[in-house]
Protein backbone atom coordinates (compact mmCIF):
# COMPACT_ATOMS: atom_id res chain seq x y z
CA MET A 1 99.94 -2.68 -5.92
CA ALA A 2 103.24 -1.24 -4.75
CA THR A 3 103.10 1.75 -2.47
CA LYS A 4 105.44 4.63 -1.90
CA ILE A 5 105.79 6.94 1.08
CA LYS A 6 105.33 10.67 1.00
CA THR A 7 104.71 13.20 3.74
CA ARG A 8 101.83 15.49 4.60
CA PHE A 9 101.39 18.15 7.23
CA PHE A 10 98.65 17.73 9.85
CA CYS A 11 97.34 20.27 12.36
CA GLN A 12 97.62 19.01 15.94
CA GLU A 13 94.60 21.08 16.98
CA CYS A 14 91.95 20.32 14.35
CA GLY A 15 93.50 17.65 12.10
CA TYR A 16 93.65 19.88 8.99
CA GLU A 17 95.78 18.29 6.23
CA THR A 18 97.96 20.11 3.72
CA ALA A 19 100.79 19.21 1.35
CA LYS A 20 103.14 21.94 2.60
CA TRP A 21 104.01 23.54 5.91
CA LEU A 22 102.12 26.69 6.89
CA GLY A 23 102.74 28.98 9.82
CA GLN A 24 99.01 29.27 10.56
CA CYS A 25 96.46 26.49 10.17
CA PRO A 26 93.74 27.53 7.65
CA GLY A 27 91.20 25.40 9.52
CA CYS A 28 91.41 26.56 13.15
CA LYS A 29 93.79 29.56 12.76
CA ALA A 30 96.27 28.10 15.28
CA TRP A 31 99.92 29.11 14.88
CA ASN A 32 102.79 26.60 14.56
CA SER A 33 100.47 23.62 14.94
CA LEU A 34 101.33 21.75 11.70
CA VAL A 35 103.56 18.67 12.01
CA GLU A 36 104.98 16.55 9.20
CA GLU A 37 104.01 12.89 9.01
CA PRO A 38 104.42 10.16 6.36
CA VAL A 39 101.39 8.75 4.53
CA SER A 40 101.08 5.71 2.27
CA VAL A 41 100.36 6.43 -1.38
CA SER A 42 99.70 3.90 -4.12
CA ALA A 43 101.88 3.79 -7.23
CA GLY A 44 99.10 5.40 -9.23
CA GLY A 45 99.19 8.43 -6.97
CA LYS A 46 95.96 7.72 -5.07
CA GLU A 47 96.11 7.58 -1.31
CA LYS A 48 95.09 4.38 0.38
CA LYS A 49 91.84 4.60 2.26
CA GLN A 50 91.34 2.44 5.26
CA VAL A 51 88.11 0.44 5.31
CA LEU A 52 86.74 0.13 8.83
CA SER A 53 84.52 -2.76 9.76
CA GLY A 54 81.09 -1.96 11.12
CA VAL A 55 77.38 -2.49 10.79
CA GLN A 56 75.86 -1.05 7.64
CA SER A 57 73.30 1.66 8.36
CA ALA A 58 70.51 3.32 6.42
CA PRO A 59 68.71 6.68 6.76
CA ALA A 60 65.85 6.76 9.27
CA VAL A 61 62.83 9.03 9.63
CA LEU A 62 63.09 11.23 12.72
CA ASN A 63 59.50 10.59 13.86
CA GLU A 64 59.99 6.81 13.64
CA ILE A 65 63.01 6.72 15.97
CA SER A 66 62.10 5.14 19.32
CA MET A 67 63.03 7.21 22.38
CA GLU A 68 64.11 4.47 24.75
CA GLU A 69 66.18 5.58 27.72
CA GLU A 70 69.82 4.65 27.28
CA ARG A 71 70.99 1.68 29.29
CA ARG A 72 73.52 2.56 31.97
CA THR A 73 75.77 0.30 33.98
CA GLU A 74 76.78 1.49 37.44
CA THR A 75 80.51 1.24 38.08
CA GLY A 76 80.25 0.71 41.83
CA MET A 77 82.02 4.06 42.40
CA GLY A 78 79.51 6.80 43.15
CA GLU A 79 81.87 9.65 42.30
CA LEU A 80 82.68 8.16 38.89
CA ASP A 81 78.99 7.51 38.17
CA ARG A 82 78.23 11.15 39.06
CA VAL A 83 80.73 12.47 36.51
CA LEU A 84 79.58 10.01 33.82
CA GLY A 85 75.98 11.14 34.31
CA GLY A 86 74.68 8.08 36.17
CA GLY A 87 76.80 5.23 34.85
CA ILE A 88 78.36 3.80 31.70
CA VAL A 89 76.21 4.09 28.59
CA THR A 90 76.25 1.06 26.31
CA GLY A 91 78.22 1.75 23.13
CA SER A 92 79.88 4.90 24.47
CA LEU A 93 83.48 5.98 23.85
CA THR A 94 85.13 7.71 26.81
CA LEU A 95 88.52 9.45 26.88
CA VAL A 96 90.34 9.69 30.24
CA GLY A 97 93.31 12.08 30.43
CA GLY A 98 95.64 13.15 33.19
CA ASP A 99 99.24 13.73 34.25
CA PRO A 100 101.63 10.76 34.49
CA GLY A 101 101.25 8.92 37.79
CA ILE A 102 98.01 10.69 38.71
CA GLY A 103 96.05 7.41 38.94
CA LYS A 104 94.27 6.92 35.60
CA SER A 105 95.11 3.23 35.34
CA THR A 106 94.29 2.68 39.01
CA LEU A 107 90.88 4.30 38.61
CA LEU A 108 89.99 2.21 35.57
CA LEU A 109 91.31 -1.00 37.15
CA GLN A 110 89.16 -0.38 40.23
CA MET A 111 86.19 0.18 37.95
CA CYS A 112 86.99 -3.11 36.20
CA ARG A 113 87.10 -4.88 39.56
CA ASN A 114 83.65 -3.63 40.55
CA LEU A 115 82.18 -4.53 37.16
CA SER A 116 83.84 -7.95 37.12
CA LEU A 117 82.23 -8.76 40.47
CA LYS A 118 78.91 -8.07 38.73
CA LYS A 119 79.86 -10.68 36.11
CA GLN A 120 80.47 -8.08 33.39
CA HIS A 121 82.80 -9.34 30.64
CA ILE A 122 85.75 -6.89 30.49
CA LEU A 123 88.82 -6.75 28.26
CA TYR A 124 91.74 -4.68 29.56
CA VAL A 125 94.22 -3.88 26.76
CA SER A 126 97.55 -2.45 27.86
CA GLY A 127 100.26 -1.18 25.58
CA GLU A 128 102.45 0.28 28.33
CA GLU A 129 102.60 -2.38 31.05
CA SER A 130 103.20 -6.12 31.17
CA LEU A 131 100.80 -8.65 32.63
CA ARG A 132 102.92 -8.90 35.79
CA GLN A 133 102.82 -5.14 36.35
CA ILE A 134 99.04 -5.07 36.05
CA LYS A 135 98.80 -8.07 38.38
CA MET A 136 100.87 -6.26 41.02
CA ARG A 137 98.48 -3.29 40.97
CA ALA A 138 95.46 -5.59 41.00
CA MET A 139 96.73 -7.39 44.11
CA ARG A 140 96.88 -4.07 45.92
CA ILE A 141 93.32 -3.17 44.92
CA GLY A 142 91.57 -6.43 45.83
CA ASP A 143 90.08 -9.62 44.44
CA PHE A 144 88.89 -9.93 40.85
CA SER A 145 86.54 -12.40 39.18
CA ASP A 146 87.30 -14.50 36.11
CA THR A 147 85.31 -12.19 33.81
CA LEU A 148 88.25 -9.76 33.52
CA GLU A 149 90.74 -10.60 30.77
CA LEU A 150 94.11 -8.87 30.26
CA PHE A 151 95.72 -8.41 26.87
CA CYS A 152 99.09 -6.74 26.27
CA GLU A 153 99.24 -5.61 22.65
CA THR A 154 99.90 -2.46 20.62
CA ASN A 155 98.80 -3.68 17.19
CA LEU A 156 95.29 -2.27 16.76
CA ASN A 157 94.46 -4.74 13.99
CA ARG A 158 95.07 -7.62 16.36
CA ILE A 159 93.11 -5.87 19.11
CA GLU A 160 90.19 -5.37 16.72
CA GLU A 161 90.16 -9.09 15.93
CA ILE A 162 90.12 -10.03 19.63
CA ILE A 163 87.28 -7.57 20.37
CA GLN A 164 85.18 -8.93 17.51
CA GLN A 165 85.91 -12.48 18.64
CA LYS A 166 85.37 -12.04 22.40
CA LYS A 167 82.64 -9.36 22.18
CA PRO A 168 83.21 -8.01 25.74
CA GLN A 169 80.87 -5.52 27.37
CA ILE A 170 83.64 -3.14 28.51
CA VAL A 171 87.02 -2.49 26.86
CA ILE A 172 89.89 -0.46 28.36
CA ILE A 173 92.62 0.86 26.00
CA ASP A 174 95.71 1.99 27.94
CA SER A 175 96.82 4.08 26.16
CA ILE A 176 95.81 5.36 22.73
CA GLN A 177 99.28 6.87 22.13
CA THR A 178 100.88 3.39 22.18
CA MET A 179 98.51 1.84 19.61
CA TYR A 180 99.42 1.62 15.93
CA ASN A 181 97.36 0.78 12.86
CA GLU A 182 99.11 -1.17 10.11
CA ALA A 183 97.24 0.80 7.44
CA VAL A 184 98.91 4.04 8.64
CA SER A 185 102.65 4.35 8.11
CA ALA A 186 103.19 7.03 10.75
CA ALA A 187 104.79 6.26 14.11
CA PRO A 188 102.64 5.41 17.18
CA GLY A 189 101.45 8.52 19.01
CA SER A 190 101.47 10.69 15.88
CA VAL A 191 98.47 12.70 14.76
CA SER A 192 97.56 10.23 12.02
CA GLN A 193 97.85 7.15 14.22
CA VAL A 194 95.85 8.63 17.09
CA ARG A 195 93.10 9.87 14.78
CA GLU A 196 92.79 6.65 12.76
CA SER A 197 93.04 4.39 15.82
CA THR A 198 90.30 6.31 17.57
CA GLY A 199 88.17 6.01 14.43
CA VAL A 200 88.51 2.22 14.53
CA LEU A 201 87.53 2.10 18.20
CA LEU A 202 84.59 4.42 17.54
CA ARG A 203 83.27 2.05 14.86
CA LEU A 204 83.64 -0.91 17.21
CA ALA A 205 81.86 0.87 20.07
CA LYS A 206 78.88 1.98 17.99
CA GLY A 207 78.67 -1.10 15.77
CA LEU A 208 78.96 -3.78 18.45
CA GLY A 209 77.48 -1.86 21.39
CA ILE A 210 80.69 -2.05 23.44
CA SER A 211 81.59 0.62 26.01
CA ILE A 212 85.23 1.60 25.42
CA PHE A 213 87.46 3.66 27.72
CA ILE A 214 90.58 5.24 26.20
CA VAL A 215 93.49 6.51 28.29
CA GLY A 216 95.18 9.54 26.73
CA HIS A 217 98.48 11.22 27.54
CA VAL A 218 98.52 14.95 28.24
CA THR A 219 100.86 17.72 27.16
CA LYS A 220 102.72 20.09 29.45
CA GLU A 221 99.79 22.50 29.12
CA GLY A 222 97.49 19.84 30.59
CA THR A 223 95.49 19.05 27.43
CA VAL A 224 95.19 15.62 25.81
CA ALA A 225 98.13 14.95 23.51
CA GLY A 226 97.35 14.52 19.83
CA PRO A 227 94.90 16.28 17.53
CA ARG A 228 92.03 18.28 19.02
CA VAL A 229 89.71 16.29 16.77
CA LEU A 230 90.26 13.36 19.16
CA GLU A 231 88.11 15.07 21.79
CA HIS A 232 85.40 15.74 19.21
CA MET A 233 85.23 12.08 18.16
CA VAL A 234 84.59 10.60 21.62
CA ASP A 235 81.36 10.84 23.61
CA THR A 236 82.87 11.77 26.96
CA VAL A 237 86.13 13.47 27.98
CA LEU A 238 87.27 13.11 31.60
CA TYR A 239 90.31 14.82 33.14
CA PHE A 240 91.95 13.39 36.25
CA GLU A 241 93.46 16.34 38.10
CA GLY A 242 95.40 16.94 41.30
CA ASP A 243 98.89 17.10 42.70
CA ARG A 244 100.55 13.72 42.32
CA HIS A 245 102.40 14.37 45.60
CA ALA A 246 99.15 14.97 47.51
CA SER A 247 96.48 12.43 48.42
CA TYR A 248 93.45 14.01 46.71
CA ARG A 249 92.38 13.56 43.11
CA ILE A 250 89.62 15.32 41.18
CA LEU A 251 87.85 13.74 38.21
CA ARG A 252 86.30 16.44 36.02
CA GLY A 253 84.07 15.97 32.99
CA VAL A 254 84.79 18.53 30.26
CA LYS A 255 82.56 16.88 27.64
CA ASN A 256 79.65 14.50 28.10
CA ARG A 257 76.99 13.67 25.54
CA PHE A 258 75.04 11.72 28.15
CA GLY A 259 75.15 14.07 31.14
CA SER A 260 76.33 17.32 32.66
CA THR A 261 79.81 18.69 32.03
CA ASP A 262 79.98 20.56 35.35
CA GLU A 263 80.15 17.58 37.70
CA ILE A 264 83.30 16.53 39.52
CA GLY A 265 84.29 13.48 41.53
CA VAL A 266 86.71 13.68 44.45
CA PHE A 267 88.97 10.78 45.38
CA GLU A 268 91.74 10.19 47.90
CA MET A 269 94.75 8.10 46.90
CA ARG A 270 95.62 5.45 49.46
CA GLN A 271 97.81 2.36 49.49
CA GLU A 272 94.89 0.13 48.51
CA GLY A 273 93.85 2.45 45.68
CA LEU A 274 91.45 5.35 45.24
CA THR A 275 88.81 6.02 47.90
CA GLU A 276 85.76 8.19 47.30
CA VAL A 277 85.47 11.45 49.25
CA LEU A 278 81.75 11.78 49.96
CA ASN A 279 82.02 15.21 51.62
CA PRO A 280 84.65 17.19 49.70
CA SER A 281 83.86 20.45 51.55
CA GLU A 282 84.90 18.98 54.89
CA PHE A 283 87.92 17.40 53.21
CA MET A 284 89.08 20.70 51.67
CA LEU A 285 88.65 22.66 54.94
CA ASN A 286 90.63 20.17 57.01
CA GLY A 287 93.55 21.88 58.79
CA ARG A 288 92.23 25.43 58.35
CA PRO A 289 94.04 27.87 60.70
CA ALA A 290 92.06 29.67 63.38
CA GLY A 291 92.33 33.42 63.87
CA ALA A 292 94.67 34.00 60.90
CA SER A 293 94.28 37.06 58.70
CA GLY A 294 93.79 36.63 54.96
CA SER A 295 91.77 33.41 55.30
CA VAL A 296 88.14 33.30 54.10
CA VAL A 297 85.86 30.38 53.27
CA SER A 298 83.86 30.71 50.05
CA CYS A 299 81.39 28.42 48.29
CA SER A 300 81.38 27.41 44.63
CA MET A 301 79.11 25.10 42.65
CA GLU A 302 80.57 22.14 40.80
CA GLY A 303 77.60 20.93 38.79
CA THR A 304 74.86 20.30 41.35
CA ARG A 305 77.28 19.98 44.27
CA PRO A 306 78.17 22.96 46.51
CA MET A 307 81.79 22.93 47.65
CA LEU A 308 83.32 25.07 50.41
CA THR A 309 86.92 26.11 49.81
CA GLU A 310 89.36 28.13 51.89
CA ILE A 311 90.78 31.15 50.08
CA GLN A 312 94.09 32.44 51.40
CA ALA A 313 95.63 35.81 50.59
CA LEU A 314 98.93 37.39 51.58
CA VAL A 315 99.44 41.11 50.87
CA CYS A 316 102.68 42.80 51.85
CA HIS A 317 104.70 45.83 50.74
CA SER A 318 107.02 45.16 47.83
CA ASN A 319 110.77 45.73 48.05
CA PHE A 320 111.07 45.99 44.27
CA GLY A 321 109.89 48.50 41.71
CA ILE A 322 107.37 46.10 40.20
CA PRO A 323 105.08 44.34 42.72
CA ARG A 324 104.79 40.59 42.37
CA ARG A 325 101.39 38.93 41.93
CA GLN A 326 100.86 35.19 42.05
CA THR A 327 97.75 32.99 42.15
CA THR A 328 97.25 29.27 42.71
CA GLY A 329 93.93 27.62 41.90
CA THR A 330 92.18 30.61 40.34
CA ASP A 331 92.48 32.98 37.39
CA PHE A 332 95.45 35.34 37.65
CA ASN A 333 93.85 38.13 35.60
CA ARG A 334 90.66 37.93 37.66
CA VAL A 335 92.61 38.57 40.87
CA ASN A 336 94.33 41.58 39.31
CA LEU A 337 90.93 42.93 38.27
CA LEU A 338 89.54 42.54 41.81
CA MET A 339 92.57 44.30 43.30
CA ALA A 340 92.01 47.19 40.89
CA VAL A 341 88.37 47.40 42.07
CA LEU A 342 89.50 47.60 45.70
CA GLU A 343 92.01 50.34 44.94
CA LYS A 344 89.53 52.39 42.91
CA ARG A 345 86.30 51.93 44.88
CA LEU A 346 87.62 51.66 48.45
CA GLY A 347 90.81 53.71 48.14
CA MET A 348 93.04 50.88 49.34
CA GLN A 349 96.68 51.59 48.46
CA ILE A 350 97.62 48.10 47.33
CA GLY A 351 99.14 48.99 43.96
CA GLY A 352 102.66 48.84 45.41
CA CYS A 353 102.13 45.60 47.34
CA ASP A 354 102.99 42.02 46.56
CA ALA A 355 99.88 39.86 46.51
CA TYR A 356 99.59 36.08 46.68
CA VAL A 357 96.23 34.28 46.45
CA ASN A 358 95.89 30.55 47.04
CA LEU A 359 92.97 28.12 47.05
CA ALA A 360 93.82 25.62 49.76
CA GLY A 361 93.50 21.94 48.91
CA GLY A 362 94.86 22.24 45.38
CA ILE A 363 91.46 22.56 43.70
CA ARG A 364 91.07 24.94 40.76
CA ILE A 365 87.96 27.17 40.62
CA THR A 366 87.18 29.81 38.02
CA GLU A 367 83.54 30.47 38.99
CA PRO A 368 82.88 34.22 39.57
CA ALA A 369 80.97 33.36 42.77
CA ILE A 370 84.24 33.22 44.74
CA ASP A 371 85.02 36.88 43.88
CA LEU A 372 83.65 38.13 47.21
CA GLY A 373 85.75 35.58 49.10
CA ILE A 374 88.91 36.68 47.26
CA VAL A 375 88.14 40.35 47.93
CA MET A 376 87.55 39.75 51.64
CA ALA A 377 90.72 37.66 51.93
CA ILE A 378 92.80 40.45 50.33
CA MET A 379 91.23 43.10 52.59
CA SER A 380 91.76 40.91 55.66
CA SER A 381 95.44 40.39 54.87
CA PHE A 382 96.05 44.07 53.98
CA LYS A 383 94.44 45.30 57.21
CA ASN A 384 95.89 42.37 59.20
CA SER A 385 92.37 41.82 60.55
CA PRO A 386 91.16 38.20 60.77
CA VAL A 387 87.71 37.35 59.43
CA PRO A 388 85.41 36.33 62.32
CA GLU A 389 85.08 32.60 62.94
CA GLY A 390 82.18 30.79 61.30
CA VAL A 391 81.87 33.18 58.32
CA VAL A 392 81.44 32.05 54.71
CA ALA A 393 81.14 34.51 51.80
CA PHE A 394 80.21 34.21 48.14
CA GLY A 395 79.13 36.55 45.33
CA GLU A 396 80.31 37.99 42.04
CA VAL A 397 82.04 41.39 42.13
CA GLY A 398 81.61 43.84 39.24
CA LEU A 399 83.89 46.64 38.08
CA SER A 400 81.79 49.22 39.88
CA GLY A 401 82.33 47.43 43.16
CA GLU A 402 78.82 45.98 43.24
CA VAL A 403 78.14 42.45 44.47
CA ARG A 404 76.03 40.62 41.91
CA ALA A 405 73.75 37.63 42.29
CA VAL A 406 74.91 34.03 41.80
CA SER A 407 72.97 30.88 41.01
CA MET A 408 71.76 28.29 43.55
CA ALA A 409 72.40 30.53 46.55
CA GLU A 410 70.12 28.48 48.82
CA GLN A 411 72.11 25.28 48.22
CA ARG A 412 75.32 27.13 49.08
CA VAL A 413 73.87 28.46 52.34
CA ARG A 414 72.57 25.04 53.40
CA GLU A 415 75.97 23.46 52.69
CA ALA A 416 77.62 26.07 54.93
CA GLN A 417 75.02 25.49 57.63
CA LYS A 418 75.58 21.72 57.47
CA LEU A 419 79.30 22.20 58.16
CA GLY A 420 78.68 24.41 61.20
CA PHE A 421 79.12 27.93 59.81
CA THR A 422 77.10 30.56 61.69
CA THR A 423 77.25 33.57 59.32
CA CYS A 424 76.89 33.77 55.54
CA ILE A 425 77.72 36.93 53.58
CA LEU A 426 75.94 36.85 50.23
CA PRO A 427 74.54 39.26 47.60
CA GLN A 428 71.52 41.26 48.79
CA VAL A 429 69.64 40.23 45.62
CA CYS A 430 69.98 36.56 46.54
CA LEU A 431 68.93 37.23 50.14
CA GLU A 432 65.71 38.91 49.04
CA LYS A 433 64.69 35.89 46.93
CA MET A 434 65.74 33.23 49.45
CA PRO A 435 63.35 31.62 51.95
CA LYS A 436 64.10 32.08 55.62
CA ILE A 437 66.70 29.62 56.89
CA SER A 438 67.00 29.16 60.64
CA GLY A 439 70.26 28.38 62.42
CA ILE A 440 72.51 30.65 60.34
CA ARG A 441 72.85 34.44 60.17
CA LEU A 442 72.47 35.80 56.64
CA VAL A 443 74.10 39.13 55.77
CA GLY A 444 73.21 40.70 52.43
CA VAL A 445 75.71 43.09 50.83
CA ARG A 446 75.31 45.32 47.78
CA SER A 447 78.94 46.40 47.33
CA VAL A 448 82.46 45.61 48.45
CA ALA A 449 82.19 48.54 50.88
CA ASP A 450 79.39 46.71 52.70
CA ALA A 451 81.55 43.58 52.84
CA ALA A 452 84.49 45.61 54.24
CA ARG A 453 82.34 46.69 57.20
CA GLU A 454 81.92 43.03 58.18
CA LEU A 455 85.67 42.65 58.85
């Protein structure tokens, strides 16, 4: 039957579909998120529905479902396994996002190398690079076995045929924005193409028991490009973060149906590829200045891993009518709130001062446990009084100036002790519940005034 083309409007956030443009999406209430895209319509006026191949299923009784532990395949990279929850789950669909040039393809190619050496059958599908370009990167990483196959193609229908024919154990799609489905008339990378292409890959992963990794482009805001429904369709969403001009990279899980979403993996980019950083605290504190004011070490928890980070603050009198405030690596509004607490509860005249707060190492932390470290760094810079050597501080600061308890305080203290710190300033509530730890001096504080006396 002959088809004709007409356009529809799709929401880039939730995938809501409407026949006309609206300023606000009725589905997710997002403003200016509707984009116009063509759709195929039959001559009779009915839209064509794509039929996806897959195994037919039937309803099952809940009590009759067997609770077998999911099979996981270790990738040979401990940091990646940590973020995935212990390894790759059979039949899972994983989305990997990150800035251009951050190392997404390198990470997945190294994973393919480790799995190929274990005789895992892997299919690497690239829509952005040629076979020679992938070979050049592979030569830099190391030797590969014959179980890794490369396929340069953007036609998803052809890719689906190859997957059903080869039946590999692992499939890499690099990237989803370059794939196009012949049943969808929209251009590659559009909302319709990304959504429908991911639906095809989801059916293949669940129906054939194939673990599929999808590389996704990101927007200037740092989120995965395309509809927000893309992140809801996949099982796991990983973000590869870091400054492309620096050597460190952080792999963060923001969604994981098979594990924790708080874990991170730390890597260092070298000429031969990505290298795991087994002790990120020592890595982040490397090059810390001695005897400088405005520098405090604090401890945050990333999943089950304590991480020590240097917090730097610079407070100086402003030469303009409106003081300038700037933060790097933490929440800007949170820093303004903490400065207001210091001015109100301690009487510090910092309202007319410029303030700059930086988390050294490029890591981004929003956990409230670093509040006490930020407060002490601001006080140290304002008074031009260095924090004594060997001091680490953590705790949440409330609007009344009180220092509130944080979780897993004992693990934070032991991490500081392992790296040679001699004094730990922590909430008094946590100190009262903590067992005695020898080799490190524990100072409990109830308010920011108590912490100020330690400077």
